Amino acid sequence: MTVHTLSGHGPSVRSIAPSSSVQLIEEAVCRAVASDRPLPLALPDHFKLNVEFRHGAEAYARSFYPGAKLISDTEVELESDDYLAILTFLRFASKYS
């Protein structure tokens, strides 16, 4: 659910009164809680992820992740049936891990 409490116009913003925002948000929360929950997304049985790095040293270092393969000087591939393994590799492969 989305509640529009402001709108942008160039470098400025137009917003509604705080009390109106609170009321709209509370109403949306009540509707969201009362509605049926959506079914979880169906995931494929198998995942194949290829990540290309700018520098070969980055790809080489990330290729040490369990199950990952160095495909080229700058590309690492990971295949898995486990979605969590794919997400964990993405975290491992990011510069900020």
N, C-alpha and C. Protein backbone atom coordinates (compact mmCIF):
# COMPACT_ATOMS: atom_id res chain seq x y z
N MET A 1 0.84 -1.17 0.00
CA MET A 1 0.00 0.00 0.00
C MET A 1 0.89 1.24 0.00
N THR A 2 0.47 2.21 -0.76
CA THR A 2 1.20 3.48 -0.82
C THR A 2 0.27 4.61 -0.42
N VAL A 3 0.78 5.51 0.37
CA VAL A 3 0.02 6.69 0.76
C VAL A 3 0.80 7.90 0.27
N HIS A 4 0.18 8.68 -0.58
CA HIS A 4 0.82 9.88 -1.13
C HIS A 4 0.63 11.03 -0.15
N THR A 5 1.72 11.44 0.46
CA THR A 5 1.65 12.54 1.42
C THR A 5 2.34 13.79 0.90
N LEU A 6 3.07 13.64 -0.21
CA LEU A 6 3.70 14.81 -0.81
C LEU A 6 3.93 14.56 -2.28
N SER A 7 4.18 15.64 -3.01
CA SER A 7 4.50 15.52 -4.44
C SER A 7 5.59 16.52 -4.76
N GLY A 8 6.48 16.13 -5.65
CA GLY A 8 7.59 16.98 -6.02
C GLY A 8 7.26 17.84 -7.22
N HIS A 9 7.72 19.07 -7.17
CA HIS A 9 7.54 20.02 -8.27
C HIS A 9 8.87 20.73 -8.47
N GLY A 10 9.66 20.23 -9.42
CA GLY A 10 10.99 20.81 -9.61
C GLY A 10 11.81 20.61 -8.35
N PRO A 11 12.46 21.67 -7.89
CA PRO A 11 13.29 21.53 -6.69
C PRO A 11 12.51 21.64 -5.38
N SER A 12 11.19 21.79 -5.46
CA SER A 12 10.40 21.96 -4.24
C SER A 12 9.44 20.79 -4.04
N VAL A 13 8.84 20.74 -2.86
CA VAL A 13 7.91 19.67 -2.50
C VAL A 13 6.64 20.28 -1.94
N ARG A 14 5.53 19.68 -2.30
CA ARG A 14 4.23 20.11 -1.78
C ARG A 14 3.68 18.98 -0.92
N SER A 15 3.38 19.26 0.33
CA SER A 15 2.91 18.19 1.21
C SER A 15 1.58 18.56 1.84
N ILE A 16 0.90 17.50 2.32
CA ILE A 16 -0.37 17.72 3.01
C ILE A 16 -0.09 17.93 4.50
N ALA A 17 -1.08 18.36 5.24
CA ALA A 17 -0.91 18.61 6.67
C ALA A 17 -0.52 17.33 7.40
N PRO A 18 0.34 17.42 8.42
CA PRO A 18 0.76 16.23 9.16
C PRO A 18 -0.41 15.41 9.71
N SER A 19 -1.44 16.08 10.21
CA SER A 19 -2.58 15.33 10.76
C SER A 19 -3.29 14.53 9.66
N SER A 20 -3.37 15.10 8.46
CA SER A 20 -3.97 14.38 7.33
C SER A 20 -3.11 13.19 6.93
N SER A 21 -1.78 13.38 6.95
CA SER A 21 -0.86 12.28 6.64
C SER A 21 -1.05 11.12 7.60
N VAL A 22 -1.10 11.44 8.88
CA VAL A 22 -1.26 10.41 9.91
C VAL A 22 -2.56 9.65 9.69
N GLN A 23 -3.64 10.36 9.42
CA GLN A 23 -4.93 9.71 9.20
C GLN A 23 -4.90 8.79 7.97
N LEU A 24 -4.33 9.28 6.87
CA LEU A 24 -4.25 8.46 5.65
C LEU A 24 -3.38 7.22 5.87
N ILE A 25 -2.29 7.39 6.58
CA ILE A 25 -1.39 6.25 6.84
C ILE A 25 -2.08 5.23 7.74
N GLU A 26 -2.76 5.69 8.77
CA GLU A 26 -3.47 4.77 9.66
C GLU A 26 -4.55 3.99 8.91
N GLU A 27 -5.29 4.67 8.03
CA GLU A 27 -6.32 3.99 7.24
C GLU A 27 -5.70 2.95 6.32
N ALA A 28 -4.57 3.28 5.71
CA ALA A 28 -3.90 2.33 4.81
C ALA A 28 -3.37 1.13 5.58
N VAL A 29 -2.85 1.35 6.77
CA VAL A 29 -2.36 0.25 7.60
C VAL A 29 -3.52 -0.68 7.96
N CYS A 30 -4.65 -0.11 8.32
CA CYS A 30 -5.83 -0.94 8.66
C CYS A 30 -6.26 -1.78 7.46
N ARG A 31 -6.27 -1.18 6.27
CA ARG A 31 -6.64 -1.93 5.06
C ARG A 31 -5.62 -3.03 4.78
N ALA A 32 -4.34 -2.73 4.96
CA ALA A 32 -3.29 -3.72 4.68
C ALA A 32 -3.36 -4.90 5.63
N VAL A 33 -3.59 -4.62 6.91
CA VAL A 33 -3.66 -5.69 7.91
C VAL A 33 -4.90 -6.55 7.70
N ALA A 34 -5.99 -5.94 7.27
CA ALA A 34 -7.25 -6.67 7.08
C ALA A 34 -7.28 -7.48 5.79
N SER A 35 -6.44 -7.14 4.83
CA SER A 35 -6.49 -7.83 3.54
C SER A 35 -5.77 -9.18 3.60
N ASP A 36 -6.07 -10.05 2.63
CA ASP A 36 -5.39 -11.33 2.53
C ASP A 36 -3.93 -11.10 2.17
N ARG A 37 -3.08 -11.90 2.76
CA ARG A 37 -1.66 -11.78 2.44
C ARG A 37 -1.40 -12.37 1.06
N PRO A 38 -0.52 -11.74 0.29
CA PRO A 38 -0.18 -12.32 -1.01
C PRO A 38 0.65 -13.59 -0.83
N LEU A 39 0.54 -14.49 -1.77
CA LEU A 39 1.34 -15.71 -1.72
C LEU A 39 2.79 -15.37 -2.01
N PRO A 40 3.72 -16.10 -1.43
CA PRO A 40 5.12 -15.84 -1.73
C PRO A 40 5.41 -16.13 -3.20
N LEU A 41 6.40 -15.44 -3.72
CA LEU A 41 6.79 -15.65 -5.12
C LEU A 41 7.34 -17.06 -5.30
N ALA A 42 7.00 -17.65 -6.42
CA ALA A 42 7.55 -18.97 -6.76
C ALA A 42 8.95 -18.76 -7.33
N LEU A 43 9.91 -19.42 -6.73
CA LEU A 43 11.30 -19.30 -7.20
C LEU A 43 11.63 -20.46 -8.13
N PRO A 44 12.52 -20.22 -9.09
CA PRO A 44 12.94 -21.32 -9.95
C PRO A 44 13.70 -22.38 -9.15
N ASP A 45 13.82 -23.56 -9.71
CA ASP A 45 14.53 -24.64 -9.03
C ASP A 45 16.04 -24.46 -9.05
N HIS A 46 16.54 -23.72 -10.04
CA HIS A 46 17.98 -23.57 -10.21
C HIS A 46 18.31 -22.13 -10.58
N PHE A 47 19.45 -21.65 -10.09
CA PHE A 47 19.88 -20.28 -10.36
C PHE A 47 21.28 -20.31 -10.97
N LYS A 48 21.50 -19.40 -11.92
CA LYS A 48 22.82 -19.23 -12.52
C LYS A 48 23.10 -17.73 -12.53
N LEU A 49 24.17 -17.34 -11.86
CA LEU A 49 24.51 -15.93 -11.73
C LEU A 49 25.90 -15.69 -12.30
N ASN A 50 26.01 -14.72 -13.18
CA ASN A 50 27.29 -14.29 -13.71
C ASN A 50 27.50 -12.84 -13.30
N VAL A 51 28.66 -12.57 -12.71
CA VAL A 51 29.00 -11.21 -12.30
C VAL A 51 30.29 -10.83 -12.99
N GLU A 52 30.26 -9.67 -13.67
CA GLU A 52 31.46 -9.18 -14.33
C GLU A 52 32.02 -8.01 -13.53
N PHE A 53 33.30 -8.09 -13.24
CA PHE A 53 33.98 -7.06 -12.46
C PHE A 53 34.82 -6.19 -13.38
N ARG A 54 35.10 -5.00 -12.93
CA ARG A 54 35.91 -4.07 -13.71
C ARG A 54 37.38 -4.51 -13.75
N HIS A 55 37.83 -5.04 -12.62
CA HIS A 55 39.24 -5.43 -12.52
C HIS A 55 39.36 -6.93 -12.28
N GLY A 56 40.32 -7.53 -12.95
CA GLY A 56 40.53 -8.96 -12.83
C GLY A 56 40.84 -9.41 -11.41
N ALA A 57 41.53 -8.58 -10.65
CA ALA A 57 41.87 -8.95 -9.27
C ALA A 57 40.60 -9.12 -8.42
N GLU A 58 39.59 -8.29 -8.67
CA GLU A 58 38.32 -8.42 -7.94
C GLU A 58 37.65 -9.75 -8.28
N ALA A 59 37.61 -10.08 -9.56
CA ALA A 59 36.99 -11.34 -9.99
C ALA A 59 37.74 -12.53 -9.39
N TYR A 60 39.06 -12.47 -9.43
CA TYR A 60 39.86 -13.56 -8.89
C TYR A 60 39.58 -13.75 -7.40
N ALA A 61 39.54 -12.67 -6.64
CA ALA A 61 39.29 -12.75 -5.20
C ALA A 61 37.90 -13.32 -4.92
N ARG A 62 36.89 -12.90 -5.70
CA ARG A 62 35.52 -13.38 -5.47
C ARG A 62 35.31 -14.81 -5.95
N SER A 63 36.20 -15.30 -6.78
CA SER A 63 36.05 -16.68 -7.28
C SER A 63 36.33 -17.72 -6.21
N PHE A 64 36.84 -17.30 -5.04
CA PHE A 64 37.09 -18.23 -3.95
C PHE A 64 35.84 -18.53 -3.14
N TYR A 65 34.74 -17.87 -3.47
CA TYR A 65 33.47 -18.20 -2.80
C TYR A 65 33.13 -19.65 -3.14
N PRO A 66 32.68 -20.46 -2.18
CA PRO A 66 32.39 -21.88 -2.45
C PRO A 66 31.40 -22.06 -3.60
N GLY A 67 31.83 -22.80 -4.62
CA GLY A 67 31.00 -23.08 -5.78
C GLY A 67 31.16 -22.10 -6.92
N ALA A 68 31.81 -20.98 -6.70
CA ALA A 68 32.00 -19.97 -7.75
C ALA A 68 33.14 -20.40 -8.66
N LYS A 69 33.02 -20.00 -9.94
CA LYS A 69 34.05 -20.33 -10.93
C LYS A 69 34.48 -19.06 -11.64
N LEU A 70 35.78 -18.93 -11.87
CA LEU A 70 36.31 -17.83 -12.66
C LEU A 70 36.13 -18.19 -14.13
N ILE A 71 35.25 -17.46 -14.82
CA ILE A 71 34.92 -17.77 -16.21
C ILE A 71 35.89 -17.07 -17.16
N SER A 72 36.26 -15.85 -16.85
CA SER A 72 37.25 -15.10 -17.64
C SER A 72 38.05 -14.26 -16.66
N ASP A 73 38.89 -13.40 -17.17
CA ASP A 73 39.70 -12.56 -16.29
C ASP A 73 38.84 -11.68 -15.39
N THR A 74 37.64 -11.34 -15.85
CA THR A 74 36.80 -10.40 -15.10
C THR A 74 35.42 -10.94 -14.73
N GLU A 75 35.15 -12.21 -15.02
CA GLU A 75 33.80 -12.74 -14.80
C GLU A 75 33.81 -13.97 -13.89
N VAL A 76 32.87 -13.96 -12.94
CA VAL A 76 32.69 -15.08 -12.01
C VAL A 76 31.28 -15.61 -12.17
N GLU A 77 31.15 -16.94 -12.14
CA GLU A 77 29.85 -17.59 -12.29
C GLU A 77 29.56 -18.44 -11.05
N LEU A 78 28.30 -18.41 -10.64
CA LEU A 78 27.86 -19.27 -9.54
C LEU A 78 26.54 -19.90 -9.94
N GLU A 79 26.46 -21.21 -9.83
CA GLU A 79 25.21 -21.94 -10.05
C GLU A 79 24.83 -22.61 -8.75
N SER A 80 23.53 -22.54 -8.43
CA SER A 80 23.06 -23.13 -7.18
C SER A 80 21.56 -23.36 -7.24
N ASP A 81 21.11 -24.33 -6.47
CA ASP A 81 19.68 -24.55 -6.29
C ASP A 81 19.16 -23.74 -5.10
N ASP A 82 20.07 -23.11 -4.37
CA ASP A 82 19.74 -22.39 -3.15
C ASP A 82 19.77 -20.88 -3.39
N TYR A 83 18.62 -20.25 -3.30
CA TYR A 83 18.52 -18.80 -3.53
C TYR A 83 19.34 -18.03 -2.50
N LEU A 84 19.38 -18.51 -1.27
CA LEU A 84 20.16 -17.84 -0.23
C LEU A 84 21.65 -17.84 -0.58
N ALA A 85 22.13 -18.89 -1.23
CA ALA A 85 23.53 -18.94 -1.64
C ALA A 85 23.82 -17.85 -2.68
N ILE A 86 22.86 -17.61 -3.56
CA ILE A 86 23.02 -16.56 -4.58
C ILE A 86 23.07 -15.19 -3.89
N LEU A 87 22.15 -14.95 -2.96
CA LEU A 87 22.13 -13.67 -2.25
C LEU A 87 23.39 -13.47 -1.43
N THR A 88 23.86 -14.54 -0.80
CA THR A 88 25.07 -14.46 0.01
C THR A 88 26.27 -14.14 -0.87
N PHE A 89 26.34 -14.75 -2.05
CA PHE A 89 27.44 -14.46 -2.97
C PHE A 89 27.40 -13.00 -3.41
N LEU A 90 26.21 -12.48 -3.69
CA LEU A 90 26.12 -11.08 -4.09
C LEU A 90 26.64 -10.16 -3.00
N ARG A 91 26.35 -10.49 -1.76
CA ARG A 91 26.87 -9.71 -0.64
C ARG A 91 28.38 -9.86 -0.55
N PHE A 92 28.87 -11.07 -0.71
CA PHE A 92 30.30 -11.34 -0.67
C PHE A 92 31.02 -10.62 -1.80
N ALA A 93 30.38 -10.57 -2.96
CA ALA A 93 31.02 -10.00 -4.15
C ALA A 93 30.96 -8.48 -4.20
N SER A 94 30.11 -7.89 -3.36
CA SER A 94 29.99 -6.42 -3.41
C SER A 94 31.22 -5.78 -2.76
N LYS A 95 31.50 -4.57 -3.17
CA LYS A 95 32.66 -3.88 -2.64
C LYS A 95 32.53 -3.56 -1.17
N TYR A 96 31.29 -3.49 -0.68
CA TYR A 96 31.06 -3.03 0.69
C TYR A 96 30.84 -4.17 1.66
N SER A 97 31.19 -5.39 1.28
CA SER A 97 30.97 -6.52 2.19
C SER A 97 32.04 -6.59 3.24
